[in-house]
Protein backbone atom coordinates (compact mmCIF):
# COMPACT_ATOMS: atom_id res chain seq x y z
CA MET A 1 -9.06 3.80 -23.52
CA THR A 2 -5.87 4.13 -21.45
CA SER A 3 -4.50 1.32 -19.30
CA GLU A 4 -5.13 3.39 -16.15
CA VAL A 5 -8.76 3.81 -17.14
CA LYS A 6 -9.11 0.07 -17.79
CA ILE A 7 -7.74 -0.74 -14.34
CA LEU A 8 -9.98 1.86 -12.73
CA LEU A 9 -13.01 0.39 -14.50
CA GLY A 10 -12.10 -3.10 -13.30
CA ILE A 11 -11.64 -1.88 -9.76
CA GLY A 12 -14.91 0.01 -9.92
CA LEU A 13 -16.77 -3.12 -11.02
CA ALA A 14 -15.14 -5.15 -8.27
CA THR A 15 -16.24 -2.69 -5.61
CA VAL A 16 -19.73 -1.87 -6.86
CA ALA A 17 -21.28 -4.13 -4.23
CA LEU A 18 -19.87 -2.12 -1.32
CA THR A 19 -22.44 -0.24 0.74
CA LEU A 20 -22.22 3.49 1.43
CA GLY A 21 -21.13 2.68 4.95
CA ALA A 22 -18.21 0.63 3.68
CA VAL A 23 -17.20 3.41 1.32
CA PHE A 24 -17.12 5.80 4.28
CA LEU A 25 -14.74 3.44 6.04
CA LEU A 26 -12.29 3.45 3.14
CA SER A 27 -10.37 6.39 4.55
CA LYS A 28 -11.49 6.28 8.18
CA PRO A 29 -8.94 5.12 10.78
CA SER A 30 -9.86 2.14 12.95
CA SER A 31 -11.32 2.92 16.36
CA GLY A 32 -9.27 0.16 17.95
CA PRO A 33 -6.86 -2.72 17.41
CA SER A 34 -9.42 -5.53 17.28
CA SER A 35 -8.55 -8.13 14.67
CA LEU A 36 -10.99 -9.58 12.16
CA PRO A 37 -11.16 -13.25 11.17
CA VAL A 38 -9.45 -14.32 7.96
CA ASN A 39 -10.17 -17.50 6.03
CA LYS A 40 -6.96 -19.50 6.39
CA ASP A 41 -7.49 -20.97 2.92
CA VAL A 42 -6.80 -17.58 1.31
CA LEU A 43 -3.76 -16.50 3.35
CA GLY A 44 -1.57 -17.48 0.42
CA ALA A 45 -2.71 -14.25 -1.23
CA LEU A 46 -0.99 -12.16 1.47
CA VAL A 47 2.46 -12.10 -0.13
CA ARG A 48 3.62 -12.67 -3.70
CA GLY A 49 7.13 -13.42 -4.86
CA ASP A 50 7.52 -9.95 -6.34
CA SER A 51 5.87 -8.08 -3.46
CA ILE A 52 7.80 -5.04 -2.27
CA LYS A 53 9.26 -5.82 1.13
CA ILE A 54 11.68 -4.95 3.88
CA ALA A 55 12.62 -8.36 5.23
CA SER A 56 15.01 -10.24 7.46
CA ASP A 57 15.46 -13.99 7.71
CA SER A 58 15.44 -13.67 11.51
CA ALA A 59 12.13 -11.79 11.73
CA LYS A 60 9.32 -13.51 13.63
CA VAL A 61 6.66 -10.93 12.74
CA THR A 62 5.38 -10.02 9.30
CA ILE A 63 3.23 -6.95 8.68
CA VAL A 64 1.43 -6.73 5.34
CA GLU A 65 -0.23 -3.45 4.46
CA PHE A 66 -2.88 -2.98 1.76
CA SER A 67 -2.72 0.71 1.01
CA ASP A 68 -3.70 3.53 -1.35
CA TYR A 69 -1.19 6.34 -1.91
CA GLN A 70 -4.01 8.89 -2.18
CA CYS A 71 -5.65 7.79 1.09
CA PRO A 72 -5.10 10.30 3.96
CA ALA A 73 -5.21 7.56 6.61
CA CYS A 74 -2.52 5.64 4.71
CA LYS A 75 -0.34 8.74 4.69
CA SER A 76 -0.76 9.10 8.45
CA ALA A 77 0.18 5.43 8.96
CA ASN A 78 3.48 5.69 7.07
CA PRO A 79 5.52 7.40 9.84
CA THR A 80 4.22 4.85 12.34
CA ILE A 81 5.38 1.96 10.19
CA LYS A 82 8.79 3.59 9.74
CA GLN A 83 9.12 3.99 13.52
CA ILE A 84 8.15 0.36 14.10
CA LEU A 85 10.78 -0.85 11.63
CA ASN A 86 13.36 1.39 13.27
CA ASP A 87 12.52 0.12 16.76
CA TYR A 88 12.36 -3.59 15.82
CA PRO A 89 15.38 -4.07 13.52
CA GLY A 90 15.58 -7.59 12.16
CA LYS A 91 12.44 -8.61 14.03
CA VAL A 92 9.67 -7.35 11.74
CA ASN A 93 9.16 -7.89 8.03
CA PHE A 94 7.07 -5.32 6.15
CA ILE A 95 5.29 -5.89 2.85
CA TYR A 96 3.46 -3.14 0.96
CA ARG A 97 0.55 -4.13 -1.32
CA HIS A 98 -1.29 -1.75 -3.64
CA PHE A 99 -5.03 -1.28 -3.05
CA PRO A 100 -5.97 1.81 -5.13
CA LEU A 101 -9.53 2.94 -4.50
CA SER A 102 -11.69 3.66 -7.54
CA GLN A 103 -12.61 7.15 -6.30
CA HIS A 104 -8.95 8.17 -6.11
CA LYS A 105 -8.01 9.11 -9.68
CA ASN A 106 -4.30 9.53 -8.97
CA ALA A 107 -3.79 6.43 -6.81
CA ILE A 108 -2.79 4.17 -9.70
CA PRO A 109 -0.37 6.71 -11.23
CA ALA A 110 1.20 7.06 -7.77
CA SER A 111 1.63 3.29 -7.47
CA LEU A 112 3.15 3.19 -10.96
CA ALA A 113 5.60 5.93 -9.97
CA ALA A 114 6.70 3.95 -6.91
CA GLU A 115 7.14 0.75 -8.92
CA ALA A 116 9.09 2.62 -11.61
CA ALA A 117 11.40 4.11 -8.99
CA GLY A 118 11.89 0.60 -7.63
CA GLN A 119 13.47 -0.40 -10.93
CA GLN A 120 16.29 1.98 -10.05
CA GLY A 121 16.55 0.87 -6.41
CA LYS A 122 14.58 3.79 -5.00
CA TYR A 123 11.17 2.28 -4.24
CA TRP A 124 11.05 3.27 -0.59
CA GLU A 125 12.45 6.72 -1.23
CA MET A 126 9.69 7.36 -3.78
CA HIS A 127 7.15 5.71 -1.47
CA ASP A 128 7.96 8.25 1.25
CA ARG A 129 8.12 11.16 -1.18
CA ILE A 130 4.68 10.31 -2.59
CA PHE A 131 3.11 10.15 0.86
CA ASP A 132 4.90 13.25 2.13
CA GLY A 133 3.80 15.23 -0.92
CA GLN A 134 0.29 13.80 -1.09
CA ASP A 135 -1.40 17.19 -0.78
CA THR A 136 0.45 18.47 -3.85
CA TRP A 137 -0.73 15.76 -6.26
CA LYS A 138 -3.83 14.03 -4.87
CA GLU A 139 -6.32 16.20 -6.78
CA SER A 140 -3.95 17.59 -9.38
CA SER A 141 -4.38 17.17 -13.13
CA GLN A 142 -0.58 17.46 -13.30
CA ALA A 143 0.16 14.51 -11.00
CA GLN A 144 2.37 12.80 -13.59
CA ASP A 145 4.58 15.89 -13.85
CA ILE A 146 4.78 16.06 -10.06
CA PHE A 147 5.91 12.43 -9.87
CA THR A 148 8.52 13.13 -12.54
CA GLY A 149 9.73 16.00 -10.38
CA PHE A 150 10.05 13.61 -7.45
CA ALA A 151 12.11 11.29 -9.68
CA LYS A 152 14.46 14.13 -10.58
CA ASP A 153 14.85 15.05 -6.92
CA LEU A 154 15.79 11.44 -6.14
CA GLY A 155 18.43 11.43 -8.87
CA LEU A 156 16.66 8.87 -11.06
CA ASP A 157 17.13 8.42 -14.79
CA VAL A 158 13.94 10.26 -15.71
CA GLU A 159 13.64 8.77 -19.20
CA LYS A 160 13.81 5.23 -17.81
CA PHE A 161 11.46 6.20 -14.99
CA ASN A 162 8.81 7.40 -17.43
CA LEU A 163 9.21 4.32 -19.62
CA ASP A 164 8.85 2.00 -16.63
CA LYS A 165 5.72 3.85 -15.47
CA SER A 166 4.05 2.82 -18.73
CA ASP A 167 5.08 -0.84 -18.50
CA ASN A 168 2.00 -3.06 -18.44
CA LYS A 169 3.63 -5.50 -16.03
CA PHE A 170 3.34 -2.94 -13.24
CA ARG A 171 -0.29 -2.20 -14.06
CA ASP A 172 -0.92 -5.95 -13.92
CA LYS A 173 0.89 -6.18 -10.58
CA ILE A 174 -1.19 -3.36 -9.09
CA ASN A 175 -4.40 -4.98 -10.27
CA ARG A 176 -3.29 -8.36 -8.88
CA ASP A 177 -2.54 -6.75 -5.51
CA TYR A 178 -6.02 -5.27 -5.51
CA GLN A 179 -7.63 -8.61 -6.38
CA ASP A 180 -5.60 -10.34 -3.64
CA GLY A 181 -6.91 -7.74 -1.21
CA LEU A 182 -10.48 -8.50 -2.19
CA THR A 183 -9.79 -12.22 -1.76
CA LEU A 184 -8.55 -11.49 1.77
CA GLY A 185 -11.63 -9.43 2.59
CA VAL A 186 -9.97 -6.01 2.41
CA ASN A 187 -12.55 -3.24 1.99
CA SER A 188 -10.82 -0.25 3.58
CA THR A 189 -7.43 1.40 3.53
CA PRO A 190 -5.11 0.96 5.17
CA THR A 191 -5.67 -2.64 6.20
CA PHE A 192 -2.87 -4.43 8.03
CA PHE A 193 -2.20 -8.13 8.53
CA ILE A 194 0.08 -8.94 11.46
CA ASN A 195 1.17 -12.57 11.21
CA GLY A 196 -2.06 -13.24 9.34
CA GLN A 197 -4.36 -11.36 11.73
CA LYS A 198 -6.38 -8.65 9.98
CA PHE A 199 -6.58 -5.10 11.36
CA PRO A 200 -8.44 -2.44 9.34
CA GLY A 201 -7.42 1.16 9.88
CA ALA A 202 -4.36 3.25 10.74
CA LEU A 203 -3.23 1.58 13.96
CA SER A 204 -1.36 3.62 16.54
CA TYR A 205 2.24 2.90 17.49
CA ALA A 206 0.99 1.46 20.80
CA ASP A 207 -1.41 -0.87 18.96
CA PHE A 208 1.38 -2.17 16.74
CA LYS A 209 3.76 -2.56 19.68
CA THR A 210 1.22 -4.56 21.69
CA ARG A 211 0.60 -6.97 18.83
CA ILE A 212 4.25 -7.29 17.83
CA ASP A 213 5.43 -7.91 21.40
CA ALA A 214 2.74 -10.57 21.79
CA GLU A 215 3.94 -12.34 18.65
CA LEU A 216 7.60 -12.09 19.65
CA SER A 217 6.85 -13.64 23.03
CA LYS A 218 5.38 -16.80 21.50
């Protein structure tokens, strides 16, 4: 049994209690920016020391995203996040957490590809490439070869990239991210936390701006 299969089985067991309605929501954008309550006792699971981040010491707002690279709504959210970071330089921290859904067979390999690229300083470049090329690999039996092609395009050492993709520490990290998401009540992707407030769904630019401006004014 491969490591990817083991992780998928663990994720499947963790999510077996979800109703059909919740499963439908996994890739459905939110209808509005309403926040959901979060148990303050579990907020420590929002960010880990090795979480991938774009951060500034001066930032007053932190956005944490639990996301699945194979999720269409997550793909649609990526340009919005990039625009927010561009428009609020030094004011907003962004942390990306892996939340691969059990029905998405290539979500874990995609996360592994991003983490492997990160070992060569190209996490965010691979992150964008994976989302931009989602339609080419999401249902492909050749997803690994496609990710290797992305690595070549980014000028990575492909041998190291492929070795890092198979490193168990990244599989463990992805699984820990997923478990942290469950602890925080995440049951759909994407789910955002803005200064600890939970917002399921792909929020619009206006939704993000309203919340960020409110936090910056405090």
